[in-house]
PDB file of N, CA and C in Angstrom:
ATOM      1  N   UNK A   1     -21.543 -24.978 -10.865  1.00  0.00           N
ATOM      2  CA  UNK A   1     -21.317 -26.344 -10.439  1.00  0.00           C
ATOM      3  C   UNK A   1     -22.038 -27.252 -11.438  1.00  0.00           C
ATOM      4  N   UNK A   2     -21.275 -27.966 -12.253  1.00  0.00           N
ATOM      5  CA  UNK A   2     -21.882 -28.807 -13.279  1.00  0.00           C
ATOM      6  C   UNK A   2     -22.376 -30.140 -12.739  1.00  0.00           C
ATOM      7  N   UNK A   3     -21.759 -30.644 -11.720  1.00  0.00           N
ATOM      8  CA  UNK A   3     -22.164 -31.910 -11.100  1.00  0.00           C
ATOM      9  C   UNK A   3     -22.674 -31.630  -9.695  1.00  0.00           C
ATOM     10  N   UNK A   4     -23.504 -32.528  -9.204  1.00  0.00           N
ATOM     11  CA  UNK A   4     -23.911 -32.412  -7.810  1.00  0.00           C
ATOM     12  C   UNK A   4     -22.698 -32.593  -6.919  1.00  0.00           C
ATOM     13  N   UNK A   5     -22.622 -31.828  -5.870  1.00  0.00           N
ATOM     14  CA  UNK A   5     -21.481 -31.942  -4.966  1.00  0.00           C
ATOM     15  C   UNK A   5     -21.396 -33.323  -4.330  1.00  0.00           C
ATOM     16  N   UNK A   6     -22.522 -34.065  -4.314  1.00  0.00           N
ATOM     17  CA  UNK A   6     -22.511 -35.419  -3.763  1.00  0.00           C
ATOM     18  C   UNK A   6     -21.656 -36.371  -4.594  1.00  0.00           C
ATOM     19  N   UNK A   7     -21.458 -36.083  -5.866  1.00  0.00           N
ATOM     20  CA  UNK A   7     -20.707 -37.016  -6.710  1.00  0.00           C
ATOM     21  C   UNK A   7     -19.365 -36.467  -7.185  1.00  0.00           C
ATOM     22  N   UNK A   8     -19.180 -35.161  -7.132  1.00  0.00           N
ATOM     23  CA  UNK A   8     -17.961 -34.560  -7.671  1.00  0.00           C
ATOM     24  C   UNK A   8     -16.703 -35.027  -6.936  1.00  0.00           C
ATOM     25  N   UNK A   9     -16.670 -34.878  -5.633  1.00  0.00           N
ATOM     26  CA  UNK A   9     -15.475 -35.282  -4.884  1.00  0.00           C
ATOM     27  C   UNK A   9     -15.245 -36.793  -4.923  1.00  0.00           C
ATOM     28  N   UNK A  10     -16.256 -37.625  -4.662  1.00  0.00           N
ATOM     29  CA  UNK A  10     -16.008 -39.070  -4.759  1.00  0.00           C
ATOM     30  C   UNK A  10     -15.446 -39.478  -6.123  1.00  0.00           C
ATOM     31  N   UNK A  11     -15.970 -38.895  -7.186  1.00  0.00           N
ATOM     32  CA  UNK A  11     -15.464 -39.217  -8.525  1.00  0.00           C
ATOM     33  C   UNK A  11     -14.010 -38.786  -8.682  1.00  0.00           C
ATOM     34  N   UNK A  12     -13.629 -37.686  -8.043  1.00  0.00           N
ATOM     35  CA  UNK A  12     -12.251 -37.199  -8.168  1.00  0.00           C
ATOM     36  C   UNK A  12     -11.244 -38.131  -7.510  1.00  0.00           C
ATOM     37  N   UNK A  13     -11.710 -38.984  -6.594  1.00  0.00           N
ATOM     38  CA  UNK A  13     -10.820 -39.956  -5.956  1.00  0.00           C
ATOM     39  C   UNK A  13     -11.113 -41.381  -6.427  1.00  0.00           C
ATOM     40  N   UNK A  14     -11.869 -41.496  -7.521  1.00  0.00           N
ATOM     41  CA  UNK A  14     -12.107 -42.801  -8.138  1.00  0.00           C
ATOM     42  C   UNK A  14     -13.110 -43.671  -7.406  1.00  0.00           C
ATOM     43  N   UNK A  15     -14.092 -43.046  -6.749  1.00  0.00           N
ATOM     44  CA  UNK A  15     -15.078 -43.809  -5.986  1.00  0.00           C
ATOM     45  C   UNK A  15     -16.484 -43.352  -6.347  1.00  0.00           C
ATOM     46  N   UNK A  16     -17.449 -44.238  -6.130  1.00  0.00           N
ATOM     47  CA  UNK A  16     -18.843 -43.835  -6.212  1.00  0.00           C
ATOM     48  C   UNK A  16     -19.203 -43.149  -4.899  1.00  0.00           C
ATOM     49  N   UNK A  17     -20.396 -42.580  -4.855  1.00  0.00           N
ATOM     50  CA  UNK A  17     -20.851 -41.931  -3.626  1.00  0.00           C
ATOM     51  C   UNK A  17     -20.859 -42.919  -2.460  1.00  0.00           C
ATOM     52  N   UNK A  18     -21.422 -44.114  -2.688  1.00  0.00           N
ATOM     53  CA  UNK A  18     -21.541 -45.086  -1.600  1.00  0.00           C
ATOM     54  C   UNK A  18     -20.191 -45.690  -1.214  1.00  0.00           C
ATOM     55  N   UNK A  19     -19.297 -45.889  -2.185  1.00  0.00           N
ATOM     56  CA  UNK A  19     -17.946 -46.351  -1.841  1.00  0.00           C
ATOM     57  C   UNK A  19     -17.253 -45.306  -0.970  1.00  0.00           C
ATOM     58  N   UNK A  20     -17.381 -44.046  -1.363  1.00  0.00           N
ATOM     59  CA  UNK A  20     -16.739 -42.971  -0.615  1.00  0.00           C
ATOM     60  C   UNK A  20     -17.334 -42.846   0.787  1.00  0.00           C
ATOM     61  N   UNK A  21     -18.651 -43.015   0.893  1.00  0.00           N
ATOM     62  CA  UNK A  21     -19.296 -42.957   2.200  1.00  0.00           C
ATOM     63  C   UNK A  21     -18.737 -44.051   3.111  1.00  0.00           C
ATOM     64  N   UNK A  22     -18.547 -45.249   2.572  1.00  0.00           N
ATOM     65  CA  UNK A  22     -17.998 -46.346   3.368  1.00  0.00           C
ATOM     66  C   UNK A  22     -16.566 -46.089   3.799  1.00  0.00           C
ATOM     67  N   UNK A  23     -15.748 -45.623   2.859  1.00  0.00           N
ATOM     68  CA  UNK A  23     -14.342 -45.345   3.176  1.00  0.00           C
ATOM     69  C   UNK A  23     -14.245 -44.212   4.200  1.00  0.00           C
ATOM     70  N   UNK A  24     -14.984 -43.133   3.977  1.00  0.00           N
ATOM     71  CA  UNK A  24     -14.931 -41.990   4.896  1.00  0.00           C
ATOM     72  C   UNK A  24     -15.445 -42.366   6.286  1.00  0.00           C
ATOM     73  N   UNK A  25     -16.495 -43.180   6.334  1.00  0.00           N
ATOM     74  CA  UNK A  25     -17.023 -43.622   7.626  1.00  0.00           C
ATOM     75  C   UNK A  25     -15.993 -44.474   8.358  1.00  0.00           C
ATOM     76  N   UNK A  26     -15.344 -45.375   7.635  1.00  0.00           N
ATOM     77  CA  UNK A  26     -14.299 -46.205   8.245  1.00  0.00           C
ATOM     78  C   UNK A  26     -13.155 -45.367   8.790  1.00  0.00           C
ATOM     79  N   UNK A  27     -12.723 -44.370   8.000  1.00  0.00           N
ATOM     80  CA  UNK A  27     -11.660 -43.481   8.463  1.00  0.00           C
ATOM     81  C   UNK A  27     -12.110 -42.723   9.706  1.00  0.00           C
ATOM     82  N   UNK A  28     -13.323 -42.197   9.668  1.00  0.00           N
ATOM     83  CA  UNK A  28     -13.833 -41.423  10.801  1.00  0.00           C
ATOM     84  C   UNK A  28     -13.906 -42.235  12.079  1.00  0.00           C
ATOM     85  N   UNK A  29     -14.402 -43.462  11.975  1.00  0.00           N
ATOM     86  CA  UNK A  29     -14.496 -44.320  13.165  1.00  0.00           C
ATOM     87  C   UNK A  29     -13.116 -44.654  13.719  1.00  0.00           C
ATOM     88  N   UNK A  30     -12.157 -44.905  12.830  1.00  0.00           N
ATOM     89  CA  UNK A  30     -10.793 -45.190  13.297  1.00  0.00           C
ATOM     90  C   UNK A  30     -10.173 -43.958  13.952  1.00  0.00           C
ATOM     91  N   UNK A  31     -10.470 -42.776  13.393  1.00  0.00           N
ATOM     92  CA  UNK A  31      -9.955 -41.544  13.986  1.00  0.00           C
ATOM     93  C   UNK A  31     -10.567 -41.297  15.364  1.00  0.00           C
ATOM     94  N   UNK A  32     -11.850 -41.573  15.503  1.00  0.00           N
ATOM     95  CA  UNK A  32     -12.496 -41.422  16.814  1.00  0.00           C
ATOM     96  C   UNK A  32     -11.861 -42.369  17.824  1.00  0.00           C
ATOM     97  N   UNK A  33     -11.666 -43.629  17.421  1.00  0.00           N
ATOM     98  CA  UNK A  33     -11.054 -44.607  18.331  1.00  0.00           C
ATOM     99  C   UNK A  33      -9.641 -44.174  18.719  1.00  0.00           C
ATOM    100  N   UNK A  34      -8.856 -43.714  17.733  1.00  0.00           N
ATOM    101  CA  UNK A  34      -7.505 -43.242  18.027  1.00  0.00           C
ATOM    102  C   UNK A  34      -7.520 -42.017  18.928  1.00  0.00           C
ATOM    103  N   UNK A  35      -8.477 -41.116  18.696  1.00  0.00           N
ATOM    104  CA  UNK A  35      -8.603 -39.922  19.530  1.00  0.00           C
ATOM    105  C   UNK A  35      -8.980 -40.254  20.964  1.00  0.00           C
ATOM    106  N   UNK A  36      -9.896 -41.205  21.118  1.00  0.00           N
ATOM    107  CA  UNK A  36     -10.265 -41.632  22.473  1.00  0.00           C
ATOM    108  C   UNK A  36      -9.070 -42.261  23.189  1.00  0.00           C
ATOM    109  N   UNK A  37      -8.292 -43.050  22.450  1.00  0.00           N
ATOM    110  CA  UNK A  37      -7.092 -43.643  23.047  1.00  0.00           C
ATOM    111  C   UNK A  37      -6.118 -42.549  23.483  1.00  0.00           C
ATOM    112  N   UNK A  38      -6.001 -41.484  22.683  1.00  0.00           N
ATOM    113  CA  UNK A  38      -5.125 -40.368  23.056  1.00  0.00           C
ATOM    114  C   UNK A  38      -5.622 -39.663  24.316  1.00  0.00           C
ATOM    115  N   UNK A  39      -6.946 -39.494  24.425  1.00  0.00           N
ATOM    116  CA  UNK A  39      -7.499 -38.865  25.628  1.00  0.00           C
ATOM    117  C   UNK A  39      -7.220 -39.701  26.873  1.00  0.00           C
ATOM    118  N   UNK A  40      -7.399 -41.009  26.756  1.00  0.00           N
ATOM    119  CA  UNK A  40      -7.107 -41.897  27.890  1.00  0.00           C
ATOM    120  C   UNK A  40      -5.618 -41.835  28.207  1.00  0.00           C
ATOM    121  N   UNK A  41      -4.785 -41.828  27.164  1.00  0.00           N
ATOM    122  CA  UNK A  41      -3.338 -41.763  27.360  1.00  0.00           C
ATOM    123  C   UNK A  41      -2.944 -40.472  28.094  1.00  0.00           C
ATOM    124  N   UNK A  42      -3.645 -39.380  27.801  1.00  0.00           N
ATOM    125  CA  UNK A  42      -3.365 -38.123  28.503  1.00  0.00           C
ATOM    126  C   UNK A  42      -3.601 -38.238  30.002  1.00  0.00           C
ATOM    127  N   UNK A  43      -4.612 -38.999  30.374  1.00  0.00           N
ATOM    128  CA  UNK A  43      -4.919 -39.189  31.799  1.00  0.00           C
ATOM    129  C   UNK A  43      -4.073 -40.287  32.429  1.00  0.00           C
ATOM    130  N   UNK A  44      -3.819 -41.325  31.669  1.00  0.00           N
ATOM    131  CA  UNK A  44      -3.066 -42.493  32.147  1.00  0.00           C
ATOM    132  C   UNK A  44      -1.902 -42.737  31.183  1.00  0.00           C
ATOM    133  N   UNK A  45      -0.772 -42.068  31.388  1.00  0.00           N
ATOM    134  CA  UNK A  45       0.336 -42.114  30.431  1.00  0.00           C
ATOM    135  C   UNK A  45       0.856 -43.513  30.097  1.00  0.00           C
ATOM    136  N   UNK A  46       0.599 -44.471  30.952  1.00  0.00           N
ATOM    137  CA  UNK A  46       1.066 -45.840  30.693  1.00  0.00           C
ATOM    138  C   UNK A  46       0.116 -46.596  29.760  1.00  0.00           C
ATOM    139  N   UNK A  47      -1.065 -46.047  29.504  1.00  0.00           N
ATOM    140  CA  UNK A  47      -2.056 -46.721  28.654  1.00  0.00           C
ATOM    141  C   UNK A  47      -1.978 -46.176  27.225  1.00  0.00           C
ATOM    142  N   UNK A  48      -2.161 -47.036  26.274  1.00  0.00           N
ATOM    143  CA  UNK A  48      -2.227 -46.659  24.851  1.00  0.00           C
ATOM    144  C   UNK A  48      -1.043 -45.787  24.438  1.00  0.00           C
ATOM    145  N   UNK A  49       0.162 -46.232  24.744  1.00  0.00           N
ATOM    146  CA  UNK A  49       1.350 -45.407  24.513  1.00  0.00           C
ATOM    147  C   UNK A  49       1.634 -45.142  23.038  1.00  0.00           C
ATOM    148  N   UNK A  50       1.175 -45.993  22.145  1.00  0.00           N
ATOM    149  CA  UNK A  50       1.443 -45.746  20.726  1.00  0.00           C
ATOM    150  C   UNK A  50       0.197 -45.895  19.850  1.00  0.00           C
ATOM    151  N   UNK A  51      -0.965 -46.046  20.450  1.00  0.00           N
ATOM    152  CA  UNK A  51      -2.185 -46.275  19.676  1.00  0.00           C
ATOM    153  C   UNK A  51      -2.521 -45.097  18.770  1.00  0.00           C
ATOM    154  N   UNK A  52      -2.431 -43.886  19.270  1.00  0.00           N
ATOM    155  CA  UNK A  52      -2.748 -42.708  18.464  1.00  0.00           C
ATOM    156  C   UNK A  52      -1.838 -42.577  17.262  1.00  0.00           C
ATOM    157  N   UNK A  53      -0.539 -42.679  17.481  1.00  0.00           N
ATOM    158  CA  UNK A  53       0.402 -42.531  16.364  1.00  0.00           C
ATOM    159  C   UNK A  53       0.281 -43.689  15.379  1.00  0.00           C
ATOM    160  N   UNK A  54       0.034 -44.899  15.887  1.00  0.00           N
ATOM    161  CA  UNK A  54      -0.170 -46.051  14.990  1.00  0.00           C
ATOM    162  C   UNK A  54      -1.416 -45.863  14.131  1.00  0.00           C
ATOM    163  N   UNK A  55      -2.461 -45.329  14.732  1.00  0.00           N
ATOM    164  CA  UNK A  55      -3.699 -45.085  13.997  1.00  0.00           C
ATOM    165  C   UNK A  55      -3.460 -44.092  12.867  1.00  0.00           C
ATOM    166  N   UNK A  56      -2.782 -43.001  13.165  1.00  0.00           N
ATOM    167  CA  UNK A  56      -2.498 -41.984  12.149  1.00  0.00           C
ATOM    168  C   UNK A  56      -1.645 -42.569  11.028  1.00  0.00           C
ATOM    169  N   UNK A  57      -0.610 -43.324  11.373  1.00  0.00           N
ATOM    170  CA  UNK A  57       0.255 -43.918  10.353  1.00  0.00           C
ATOM    171  C   UNK A  57      -0.509 -44.885   9.456  1.00  0.00           C
ATOM    172  N   UNK A  58      -1.341 -45.734  10.046  1.00  0.00           N
ATOM    173  CA  UNK A  58      -2.113 -46.696   9.253  1.00  0.00           C
ATOM    174  C   UNK A  58      -3.088 -45.988   8.321  1.00  0.00           C
ATOM    175  N   UNK A  59      -3.767 -44.967   8.835  1.00  0.00           N
ATOM    176  CA  UNK A  59      -4.715 -44.237   7.997  1.00  0.00           C
ATOM    177  C   UNK A  59      -3.994 -43.502   6.875  1.00  0.00           C
ATOM    178  N   UNK A  60      -2.852 -42.907   7.178  1.00  0.00           N
ATOM    179  CA  UNK A  60      -2.073 -42.222   6.148  1.00  0.00           C
ATOM    180  C   UNK A  60      -1.622 -43.201   5.072  1.00  0.00           C
ATOM    181  N   UNK A  61      -1.076 -44.338   5.490  1.00  0.00           N
ATOM    182  CA  UNK A  61      -0.622 -45.338   4.522  1.00  0.00           C
ATOM    183  C   UNK A  61      -1.774 -45.817   3.649  1.00  0.00           C
ATOM    184  N   UNK A  62      -2.923 -46.043   4.263  1.00  0.00           N
ATOM    185  CA  UNK A  62      -4.087 -46.510   3.500  1.00  0.00           C
ATOM    186  C   UNK A  62      -4.545 -45.446   2.501  1.00  0.00           C
ATOM    187  N   UNK A  63      -4.535 -44.181   2.925  1.00  0.00           N
ATOM    188  CA  UNK A  63      -4.970 -43.108   2.040  1.00  0.00           C
ATOM    189  C   UNK A  63      -4.003 -42.936   0.873  1.00  0.00           C
ATOM    190  N   UNK A  64      -2.704 -42.975   1.134  1.00  0.00           N
ATOM    191  CA  UNK A  64      -1.708 -42.823   0.077  1.00  0.00           C
ATOM    192  C   UNK A  64      -1.782 -44.002  -0.889  1.00  0.00           C
ATOM    193  N   UNK A  65      -1.941 -45.214  -0.359  1.00  0.00           N
ATOM    194  CA  UNK A  65      -2.049 -46.390  -1.223  1.00  0.00           C
ATOM    195  C   UNK A  65      -3.283 -46.285  -2.102  1.00  0.00           C
ATOM    196  N   UNK A  66      -4.408 -45.841  -1.542  1.00  0.00           N
ATOM    197  CA  UNK A  66      -5.636 -45.692  -2.328  1.00  0.00           C
ATOM    198  C   UNK A  66      -5.465 -44.614  -3.389  1.00  0.00           C
ATOM    199  N   UNK A  67      -4.835 -43.508  -3.023  1.00  0.00           N
ATOM    200  CA  UNK A  67      -4.610 -42.414  -3.969  1.00  0.00           C
ATOM    201  C   UNK A  67      -3.760 -42.898  -5.133  1.00  0.00           C
ATOM    202  N   UNK A  68      -2.734 -43.707  -4.842  1.00  0.00           N
ATOM    203  CA  UNK A  68      -1.863 -44.243  -5.885  1.00  0.00           C
ATOM    204  C   UNK A  68      -2.633 -45.192  -6.793  1.00  0.00           C
ATOM    205  N   UNK A  69      -3.443 -46.089  -6.191  1.00  0.00           N
ATOM    206  CA  UNK A  69      -4.260 -47.013  -7.000  1.00  0.00           C
ATOM    207  C   UNK A  69      -5.235 -46.248  -7.878  1.00  0.00           C
ATOM    208  N   UNK A  70      -5.870 -45.218  -7.335  1.00  0.00           N
ATOM    209  CA  UNK A  70      -6.840 -44.434  -8.097  1.00  0.00           C
ATOM    210  C   UNK A  70      -6.156 -43.715  -9.259  1.00  0.00           C
ATOM    211  N   UNK A  71      -4.956 -43.185  -9.022  1.00  0.00           N
ATOM    212  CA  UNK A  71      -4.224 -42.505 -10.089  1.00  0.00           C
ATOM    213  C   UNK A  71      -3.853 -43.481 -11.194  1.00  0.00           C
ATOM    214  N   UNK A  72      -3.422 -44.689 -10.829  1.00  0.00           N
ATOM    215  CA  UNK A  72      -3.097 -45.703 -11.832  1.00  0.00           C
ATOM    216  C   UNK A  72      -4.339 -46.107 -12.610  1.00  0.00           C
ATOM    217  N   UNK A  73      -5.459 -46.247 -11.929  1.00  0.00           N
ATOM    218  CA  UNK A  73      -6.706 -46.628 -12.600  1.00  0.00           C
ATOM    219  C   UNK A  73      -7.128 -45.548 -13.588  1.00  0.00           C
ATOM    220  N   UNK A  74      -6.993 -44.276 -13.201  1.00  0.00           N
ATOM    221  CA  UNK A  74      -7.342 -43.187 -14.123  1.00  0.00           C
ATOM    222  C   UNK A  74      -6.401 -43.181 -15.317  1.00  0.00           C
ATOM    223  N   UNK A  75      -5.111 -43.412 -15.072  1.00  0.00           N
ATOM    224  CA  UNK A  75      -4.146 -43.443 -16.169  1.00  0.00           C
ATOM    225  C   UNK A  75      -4.440 -44.603 -17.109  1.00  0.00           C
ATOM    226  N   UNK A  76      -4.752 -45.771 -16.548  1.00  0.00           N
ATOM    227  CA  UNK A  76      -5.092 -46.928 -17.375  1.00  0.00           C
ATOM    228  C   UNK A  76      -6.352 -46.666 -18.179  1.00  0.00           C
ATOM    229  N   UNK A  77      -7.332 -46.030 -17.570  1.00  0.00           N
ATOM    230  CA  UNK A  77      -8.590 -45.740 -18.268  1.00  0.00           C
ATOM    231  C   UNK A  77      -8.360 -44.767 -19.414  1.00  0.00           C
ATOM    232  N   UNK A  78      -7.467 -43.806 -19.222  1.00  0.00           N
ATOM    233  CA  UNK A  78      -7.226 -42.836 -20.291  1.00  0.00           C
ATOM    234  C   UNK A  78      -6.446 -43.453 -21.446  1.00  0.00           C
ATOM    235  N   UNK A  79      -5.596 -44.440 -21.179  1.00  0.00           N
ATOM    236  CA  UNK A  79      -4.871 -45.087 -22.272  1.00  0.00           C
ATOM    237  C   UNK A  79      -5.728 -46.111 -22.986  1.00  0.00           C
ATOM    238  N   UNK A  80      -6.797 -46.587 -22.333  1.00  0.00           N
ATOM    239  CA  UNK A  80      -7.714 -47.528 -22.964  1.00  0.00           C
ATOM    240  C   UNK A  80      -8.815 -46.824 -23.745  1.00  0.00           C
ATOM    241  N   UNK A  81      -8.827 -45.507 -23.690  1.00  0.00           N
ATOM    242  CA  UNK A  81      -9.878 -44.750 -24.367  1.00  0.00           C
ATOM    243  C   UNK A  81      -9.716 -44.867 -25.877  1.00  0.00           C
ATOM    244  N   UNK A  82     -10.827 -44.813 -26.617  1.00  0.00           N
ATOM    245  CA  UNK A  82     -10.745 -44.870 -28.080  1.00  0.00           C
ATOM    246  C   UNK A  82      -9.871 -43.747 -28.608  1.00  0.00           C
ATOM    247  N   UNK A  83      -8.998 -44.077 -29.518  1.00  0.00           N
ATOM    248  CA  UNK A  83      -8.105 -43.098 -30.105  1.00  0.00           C
ATOM    249  C   UNK A  83      -6.828 -42.882 -29.326  1.00  0.00           C
ATOM    250  N   UNK A  84      -6.692 -43.511 -28.175  1.00  0.00           N
ATOM    251  CA  UNK A  84      -5.479 -43.354 -27.374  1.00  0.00           C
ATOM    252  C   UNK A  84      -4.356 -44.162 -27.998  1.00  0.00           C
ATOM    253  N   UNK A  85      -3.167 -43.618 -27.937  1.00  0.00           N
ATOM    254  CA  UNK A  85      -1.992 -44.287 -28.481  1.00  0.00           C
ATOM    255  C   UNK A  85      -1.293 -45.009 -27.347  1.00  0.00           C
ATOM    256  N   UNK A  86      -1.072 -46.309 -27.506  1.00  0.00           N
ATOM    257  CA  UNK A  86      -0.374 -47.058 -26.458  1.00  0.00           C
ATOM    258  C   UNK A  86       1.068 -47.273 -26.856  1.00  0.00           C
ATOM    259  N   UNK A  87       1.939 -47.370 -25.868  1.00  0.00           N
ATOM    260  CA  UNK A  87       3.377 -47.515 -26.111  1.00  0.00           C
ATOM    261  C   UNK A  87       3.764 -48.946 -26.307  1.00  0.00           C
TER     262      UNK A  87
END
């Protein structure tokens, strides 16, 4: 392991350790809230009829959008590198 595990994964998604901690914490809290809504919905079928699925869709969309932005940023950084040939 050449890098500390604390920085390897965050760097792979284009984030610092603290940025990744914030994003992961936000995702986790939203997942907990969505999960609690699902538990209540299981007991009271008329309550929170779409909260769980909406939560999953929003988190998925946010993750895919971030992944796309990070990939573009890495591509832009590699073309801006010294010696890189631009089109």
